[in-house]
Protein backbone atom coordinates (compact mmCIF):
# COMPACT_ATOMS: atom_id res chain seq x y z
CA MET A 1 0.11 0.29 -0.13
CA THR A 2 2.67 2.04 0.66
CA ARG A 3 4.37 1.29 -2.74
CA LYS A 4 0.91 2.54 -4.32
CA PHE A 5 0.71 6.08 -2.19
CA LEU A 6 4.48 6.71 -2.81
CA ALA A 7 3.25 5.91 -6.73
CA LEU A 8 0.42 8.02 -6.79
CA SER A 9 2.74 11.23 -5.24
CA LEU A 10 5.25 10.41 -7.63
CA LEU A 11 2.65 10.75 -10.76
CA ILE A 12 0.87 14.49 -9.24
CA SER A 13 4.48 15.54 -8.84
CA ALA A 14 5.93 15.00 -12.56
CA LEU A 15 2.88 16.96 -13.34
CA LEU A 16 3.21 19.74 -10.88
CA LEU A 17 6.98 19.65 -12.02
CA SER A 18 6.50 19.78 -15.91
CA VAL A 19 4.67 23.09 -15.39
CA SER A 20 6.32 25.00 -13.16
CA SER A 21 9.64 26.67 -13.63
CA ALA A 22 8.46 27.54 -16.76
CA VAL A 23 5.81 29.90 -16.13
CA PHE A 24 7.29 31.07 -12.59
CA ALA A 25 9.97 33.01 -14.98
CA SER A 26 7.41 34.04 -17.64
CA GLY A 27 5.73 35.95 -14.81
CA SER A 28 8.49 37.36 -13.25
CA GLU A 29 10.16 38.80 -16.29
CA THR A 30 8.18 41.78 -16.43
CA GLU A 31 8.10 43.02 -13.15
CA GLU A 32 9.07 46.27 -12.62
CA SER A 33 12.57 47.10 -13.42
CA ASN A 34 13.04 49.07 -10.00
CA GLU A 35 11.88 45.85 -7.84
CA SER A 36 14.51 44.35 -5.78
CA PRO A 37 15.00 40.88 -5.14
CA THR A 38 13.57 40.76 -1.91
CA GLU A 39 10.61 42.87 -2.91
CA PHE A 40 10.64 40.50 -5.84
CA ILE A 41 10.08 37.60 -3.54
CA MET A 42 7.84 38.36 -0.86
CA HIS A 43 5.41 39.45 -3.06
CA HIS A 44 4.97 36.11 -4.50
CA VAL A 45 4.81 34.72 -0.71
CA LYS A 46 2.59 36.82 0.60
CA ASP A 47 -0.48 37.15 0.90
CA SER A 48 -2.84 39.68 -1.32
CA HIS A 49 -5.61 41.49 -1.58
CA GLU A 50 -5.76 40.27 -5.21
CA TRP A 51 -4.55 37.19 -7.14
CA HIS A 52 -2.01 37.85 -9.64
CA PHE A 53 -1.37 35.23 -11.97
CA PHE A 54 1.22 36.17 -14.40
CA ASN A 55 1.97 38.80 -16.70
CA ILE A 56 1.90 38.86 -20.69
CA GLY A 57 3.91 41.81 -21.53
CA HIS A 58 3.35 44.61 -19.65
CA THR A 59 -0.53 43.12 -18.85
CA HIS A 60 -0.76 41.75 -15.51
CA VAL A 61 -3.73 38.64 -15.84
CA THR A 62 -5.09 39.24 -11.89
CA LEU A 63 -8.41 38.32 -10.30
CA PRO A 64 -9.74 40.38 -8.31
CA LEU A 65 -10.90 39.49 -4.95
CA PRO A 66 -13.75 41.10 -2.65
CA VAL A 67 -12.73 43.24 0.05
CA ILE A 68 -14.45 43.62 2.98
CA THR A 69 -14.18 46.21 5.57
CA TYR A 70 -16.13 47.21 8.68
CA ALA A 71 -15.64 50.76 11.07
CA ALA A 72 -17.84 51.78 13.71
CA ASP A 73 -18.73 55.09 12.09
CA ARG A 74 -19.03 53.43 8.59
CA GLY A 75 -20.36 49.87 9.00
CA LEU A 76 -19.84 47.22 6.71
CA GLU A 77 -18.38 48.05 3.38
CA PHE A 78 -17.84 45.59 0.44
CA TYR A 79 -15.58 46.46 -2.76
CA MET A 80 -13.31 44.66 -5.13
CA SER A 81 -9.48 44.82 -5.15
CA SER A 82 -9.76 47.11 -8.74
CA ASP A 83 -11.59 49.62 -7.18
CA PHE A 84 -7.80 50.58 -4.89
CA GLN A 85 -5.62 49.83 -8.61
CA ASN A 86 -3.79 52.28 -10.45
CA HIS A 87 -5.07 50.46 -13.59
CA ASP A 88 -1.46 51.55 -15.85
CA THR A 89 0.77 49.89 -12.85
CA HIS A 90 -1.55 47.60 -10.98
CA LEU A 91 -0.14 48.95 -7.30
CA PHE A 92 -1.56 49.53 -4.95
CA GLY A 93 -1.56 53.11 -2.70
CA GLU A 94 -3.08 55.87 -0.70
CA GLU A 95 -3.11 57.82 -4.28
CA ASN A 96 -5.49 55.24 -5.65
CA ALA A 97 -7.83 55.36 -2.45
CA HIS A 98 -11.73 54.62 -2.78
CA ASN A 99 -13.98 56.36 -0.66
CA GLY A 100 -11.79 57.08 1.75
CA ILE A 101 -9.86 53.92 2.07
CA PHE A 102 -6.74 52.44 0.52
CA ILE A 103 -4.44 49.63 0.50
CA ASP A 104 -0.72 50.30 0.96
CA SER A 105 2.11 48.32 -0.72
CA HIS A 106 2.63 46.29 2.23
CA GLU A 107 -1.33 44.68 1.53
CA HIS A 108 -2.60 46.67 4.35
CA LEU A 109 -5.99 48.34 4.53
CA GLY A 110 -6.08 51.74 5.86
CA ARG A 111 -8.10 54.90 6.29
CA VAL A 112 -7.31 58.08 4.37
CA ASP A 113 -8.52 60.00 7.46
CA GLY A 114 -6.79 57.46 9.70
CA GLY A 115 -9.24 56.41 11.26
CA SER A 116 -9.62 52.53 12.37
CA ILE A 117 -10.97 50.02 10.37
CA MET A 118 -11.16 45.65 10.33
CA ASP A 119 -10.66 43.92 7.21
CA PHE A 120 -12.49 40.88 6.49
CA SER A 121 -11.40 40.28 2.87
CA ILE A 122 -11.21 37.52 1.08
CA THR A 123 -7.46 37.95 0.34
CA LYS A 124 -5.67 34.93 -2.06
CA ASN A 125 -4.88 32.57 0.62
CA VAL A 126 -8.49 32.46 1.85
CA ALA A 127 -9.99 31.99 -1.88
CA MET A 128 -6.72 29.33 -2.31
CA MET A 129 -8.11 27.73 0.89
CA PHE A 130 -11.67 27.70 -0.09
CA LEU A 131 -10.23 26.22 -3.28
CA VAL A 132 -8.24 23.09 -1.32
CA ILE A 133 -11.19 22.59 0.63
CA GLY A 134 -13.45 22.23 -2.51
CA LEU A 135 -11.09 20.30 -4.07
CA VAL A 136 -10.90 17.95 -1.18
CA LEU A 137 -14.65 17.39 -0.76
CA TRP A 138 -14.90 16.85 -4.32
CA ILE A 139 -12.41 13.76 -4.23
CA THR A 140 -13.53 12.06 -1.64
CA LEU A 141 -17.22 12.63 -1.93
CA SER A 142 -16.34 11.09 -5.50
CA ALA A 143 -14.60 8.19 -3.70
CA ALA A 144 -17.77 7.81 -1.66
CA ARG A 145 -20.16 7.67 -3.95
CA HIS A 146 -18.25 5.23 -5.91
CA TYR A 147 -18.49 3.22 -3.45
CA LYS A 148 -22.25 3.48 -2.66
CA LYS A 149 -22.87 2.65 -5.82
CA ASN A 150 -20.45 -0.64 -6.64
CA GLY A 151 -19.41 -1.65 -3.79
CA ALA A 152 -16.50 -3.48 -2.39
CA VAL A 153 -14.95 -3.44 -6.46
CA SER A 154 -11.64 -2.03 -7.82
CA PRO A 155 -11.93 2.02 -7.14
CA LYS A 156 -11.73 4.19 -10.22
CA GLY A 157 -11.42 7.39 -10.77
CA ALA A 158 -11.22 9.37 -7.76
CA ALA A 159 -11.48 6.12 -5.34
CA SER A 160 -8.31 4.89 -6.57
CA ILE A 161 -6.56 8.08 -5.22
CA VAL A 162 -8.71 8.01 -1.82
CA GLU A 163 -8.32 4.11 -1.03
CA PRO A 164 -4.76 4.37 -0.76
CA ILE A 165 -4.62 7.51 1.26
CA VAL A 166 -7.24 6.51 3.84
CA ILE A 167 -6.02 2.92 4.48
CA PHE A 168 -2.48 4.36 4.94
CA VAL A 169 -3.09 7.17 7.13
CA ARG A 170 -5.57 4.06 9.15
CA ASP A 171 -2.96 1.65 9.45
CA GLU A 172 0.19 3.64 9.46
CA ILE A 173 -0.54 6.58 11.56
CA ALA A 174 -3.95 6.13 13.12
CA GLU A 175 -3.77 2.70 14.25
CA LYS A 176 0.05 2.35 15.44
CA ALA A 177 0.32 5.59 17.10
CA ILE A 178 -3.00 5.90 18.94
CA GLY A 179 -3.70 2.30 19.40
CA PRO A 180 -7.15 0.76 20.23
CA LYS A 181 -8.99 4.13 20.32
CA TYR A 182 -8.09 5.13 16.97
CA LYS A 183 -10.93 4.95 15.04
CA LYS A 184 -12.84 7.76 16.57
CA PHE A 185 -9.97 10.06 15.23
CA VAL A 186 -9.21 8.98 11.96
CA PRO A 187 -11.25 11.41 10.42
CA TYR A 188 -9.52 14.01 11.72
CA LEU A 189 -6.14 13.16 10.70
CA LEU A 190 -7.51 12.48 7.36
CA THR A 191 -9.12 15.64 6.89
CA LEU A 192 -5.57 16.96 7.93
CA PHE A 193 -3.61 15.17 5.60
CA PHE A 194 -5.63 15.43 2.53
CA PHE A 195 -6.04 19.44 3.36
CA ILE A 196 -2.13 19.87 4.09
CA TRP A 197 -1.13 17.58 1.16
CA ILE A 198 -3.42 19.67 -0.95
CA GLY A 199 -2.36 22.72 -0.63
CA ASN A 200 1.13 22.17 -0.32
CA LEU A 201 1.18 20.54 -3.56
CA LEU A 202 -0.86 23.33 -4.95
CA GLY A 203 1.10 25.49 -3.73
CA LEU A 204 3.41 24.93 -6.24
CA MET A 205 1.72 25.67 -9.09
CA PRO A 206 2.41 28.58 -10.73
CA GLY A 207 0.50 31.44 -9.68
CA ALA A 208 -0.58 29.28 -7.14
CA ALA A 209 -1.41 31.38 -3.17
CA ASN A 210 1.08 30.09 -0.38
CA LEU A 211 -1.54 29.09 1.41
CA THR A 212 0.38 26.13 3.83
CA GLY A 213 3.10 28.43 3.94
CA ASN A 214 0.67 31.26 5.91
CA ILE A 215 1.50 31.22 9.31
CA ALA A 216 -2.29 32.22 10.40
CA VAL A 217 -2.91 28.90 8.20
CA THR A 218 -0.87 26.71 10.24
CA PHE A 219 -1.18 28.25 13.54
CA THR A 220 -5.15 27.07 13.02
CA LEU A 221 -4.40 24.01 12.47
CA ALA A 222 -2.15 23.39 15.03
CA ILE A 223 -5.12 24.99 17.33
CA LEU A 224 -7.30 22.15 16.31
CA THR A 225 -4.97 19.55 16.77
CA PHE A 226 -4.24 21.34 20.48
CA ILE A 227 -7.41 21.68 21.20
CA LEU A 228 -8.52 17.61 20.12
CA VAL A 229 -6.14 16.28 21.96
CA ASN A 230 -6.42 17.72 25.60
CA ILE A 231 -10.48 17.35 25.03
CA ASN A 232 -9.83 13.39 24.58
CA GLY A 233 -7.36 13.77 27.63
CA ASN A 234 -7.90 10.88 29.83
CA LYS A 235 -7.12 10.84 33.86
CA ASP A 236 -3.55 9.32 33.09
CA TYR A 237 -2.43 12.00 30.52
CA TRP A 238 -3.64 14.76 32.83
CA LYS A 239 -1.99 13.17 36.30
CA HIS A 240 1.12 12.96 34.11
CA VAL A 241 1.01 16.65 33.92
CA PHE A 242 0.08 17.92 37.11
CA ALA A 243 1.34 15.23 39.40
CA THR A 244 3.94 13.38 37.21
CA PRO A 245 4.66 10.07 38.72
CA GLY A 246 7.91 8.69 40.21
CA VAL A 247 8.86 12.28 40.34
CA PRO A 248 10.56 13.27 44.13
CA ALA A 249 8.52 15.56 45.40
CA PRO A 250 11.12 18.68 45.80
CA LEU A 251 11.35 18.42 41.66
CA LEU A 252 7.96 17.78 41.26
CA PRO A 253 7.13 21.70 40.90
CA ILE A 254 9.89 21.74 37.93
CA ILE A 255 8.36 18.97 36.28
CA VAL A 256 4.88 20.37 36.65
CA VAL A 257 6.30 23.87 34.87
CA VAL A 258 7.72 21.67 32.11
CA GLU A 259 4.74 19.31 31.69
CA PHE A 260 2.17 22.50 31.24
CA ILE A 261 4.72 24.63 28.94
CA GLY A 262 5.14 20.99 26.63
CA LEU A 263 1.19 21.29 26.36
CA PHE A 264 1.85 24.20 24.13
CA THR A 265 4.99 23.77 22.80
CA LYS A 266 3.98 20.66 21.12
CA PRO A 267 1.63 22.66 18.80
CA PHE A 268 3.90 25.21 18.52
CA ALA A 269 6.33 22.86 17.14
CA LEU A 270 3.56 21.69 14.46
CA MET A 271 2.92 25.51 13.24
CA VAL A 272 6.44 26.39 12.41
CA ARG A 273 7.60 22.94 10.99
CA LEU A 274 5.20 23.65 8.18
CA PHE A 275 5.21 26.89 8.23
CA VAL A 276 8.97 27.05 7.76
CA ALA A 277 9.25 24.03 5.71
CA ILE A 278 7.03 25.52 2.26
CA THR A 279 7.71 29.21 3.14
CA ALA A 280 11.70 28.37 2.94
CA GLY A 281 11.29 25.99 -0.14
CA HIS A 282 9.64 28.86 -2.19
CA ILE A 283 11.97 31.43 -1.21
CA VAL A 284 14.73 28.93 -2.49
CA ILE A 285 13.19 28.84 -5.03
CA LEU A 286 11.90 32.73 -6.04
CA ALA A 287 15.45 33.26 -5.39
CA PHE A 288 17.30 31.61 -7.83
CA ILE A 289 14.57 33.26 -10.35
CA ALA A 290 15.40 36.84 -9.24
CA LEU A 291 19.29 35.57 -10.13
CA VAL A 292 18.43 35.41 -13.81
CA PHE A 293 16.95 39.14 -13.47
CA ILE A 294 19.96 40.07 -11.43
CA PHE A 295 22.67 38.85 -13.59
CA GLU A 296 21.01 38.97 -16.88
CA SER A 297 23.39 35.87 -17.90
CA TYR A 298 22.62 33.16 -20.10
CA ALA A 299 24.65 30.98 -18.04
CA ILE A 300 23.17 32.38 -14.98
CA GLY A 301 19.93 31.45 -16.28
CA VAL A 302 20.61 28.00 -17.38
CA VAL A 303 22.48 27.61 -13.85
CA SER A 304 18.82 28.82 -12.64
CA THR A 305 17.06 26.49 -14.34
CA LEU A 306 18.80 23.52 -13.36
CA MET A 307 19.17 24.78 -9.70
CA VAL A 308 14.65 25.53 -9.76
CA THR A 309 13.95 22.02 -11.29
CA PHE A 310 15.91 20.04 -8.33
CA ILE A 311 15.02 22.30 -5.96
CA ASN A 312 11.27 21.76 -7.30
CA MET A 313 11.61 18.11 -7.54
CA ILE A 314 12.53 18.20 -3.82
CA GLU A 315 9.65 20.33 -2.84
CA LEU A 316 7.49 18.40 -4.18
CA LEU A 317 8.71 15.76 -2.03
CA VAL A 318 8.64 18.26 1.02
CA ALA A 319 5.09 18.57 0.24
CA THR A 320 3.95 14.56 0.92
CA ILE A 321 6.43 14.18 3.50
CA GLN A 322 5.23 17.81 5.58
CA ALA A 323 1.64 16.43 5.15
CA TYR A 324 2.65 12.86 6.59
CA VAL A 325 4.76 14.66 9.67
CA PHE A 326 1.49 16.75 10.41
CA THR A 327 -0.84 13.89 10.63
CA LEU A 328 1.85 11.52 12.27
CA PHE A 329 2.57 13.67 15.43
CA THR A 330 -1.21 14.66 15.69
CA ALA A 331 -1.49 11.05 15.81
CA MET A 332 0.96 10.93 18.68
CA TYR A 333 -0.19 13.41 20.77
CA ILE A 334 -3.61 12.21 20.57
CA GLY A 335 -2.14 8.73 21.37
CA GLY A 336 -0.74 10.54 24.46
CA ALA A 337 -3.43 11.65 25.63
CA VAL A 338 -6.04 8.81 25.42
CA ALA A 339 -3.59 5.62 26.13
CA GLU A 340 -4.52 3.89 29.37
CA HIS A 341 -1.68 3.45 31.84
CA ALA A 342 -2.43 1.07 34.12
CA HIS A 343 1.43 0.55 35.47
CA ASP A 344 0.59 3.92 37.31
CA ASP A 345 -1.72 2.17 40.06
CA HIS A 346 1.63 0.05 41.27
CA HIS A 347 4.24 2.86 42.07
């Protein structure tokens, strides 16, 4: 089953790789000449109020996104990001304010009069999140319809993608890490894996959003794991935190503090690991692309293209590994929270 899963990942990786590097480069050629390499990289990594895909000459192919604001003195207001743009340069700025509201170069909403404002906009990462959720639902529901209609026959279509992953997560992650009570948590672990995996893979597509490289997204996933683990923690779990068995009484206050802090460091590690792994890969790829336009050399272009291709292949592997690692550690934390420690009674 592991072989099928790896083969599936390889096929998807090959598809993504075939369309990545060239479009990244073509989308970069017409960036403003005064844009620094750092600005170029951060522009492609950070979130945005518009979805920029690529350039055709000096024409920027973008998807305007809804800008939703709230202010106590203005109420709830709805706009489109295109209302705030200079259509010659597609740049945001105070000079392009719309109804007294503007989007600055750092993608922050502001008011010309300096008043406070709350931003509830559908940004690029939010739109990407909806896309990933929709794709996950389509794949899984299509597989469910297949089994409902055909029973336990050889899977086809979406079912052939879902089945090996479901079996892998259930048998190799959930059952081994959690133990006898694993079935209760399989749906959550599958949701985690599919969301992170598909988000990682789509994030490597040219013009895509850096969804799983957004600290807010990884923070939310980590918080969900934190809540699930601690809600399901049994008496042995909490006893281990606040009255660790076998620890001498003088050391117990120190150990309790360490164990309590550990409740938060575990999800924090999940959050940072995914965020850093995905963002770092994107930054390295974009840095090599930027070298072409810094040195304007064919030799650098050839070397950069080879390096981008190589790193992109690694990133396609990392996309799957990070989904696996996040799901595995979540299962391990759940396993530690629900495990029964009958031997504690003998101490």
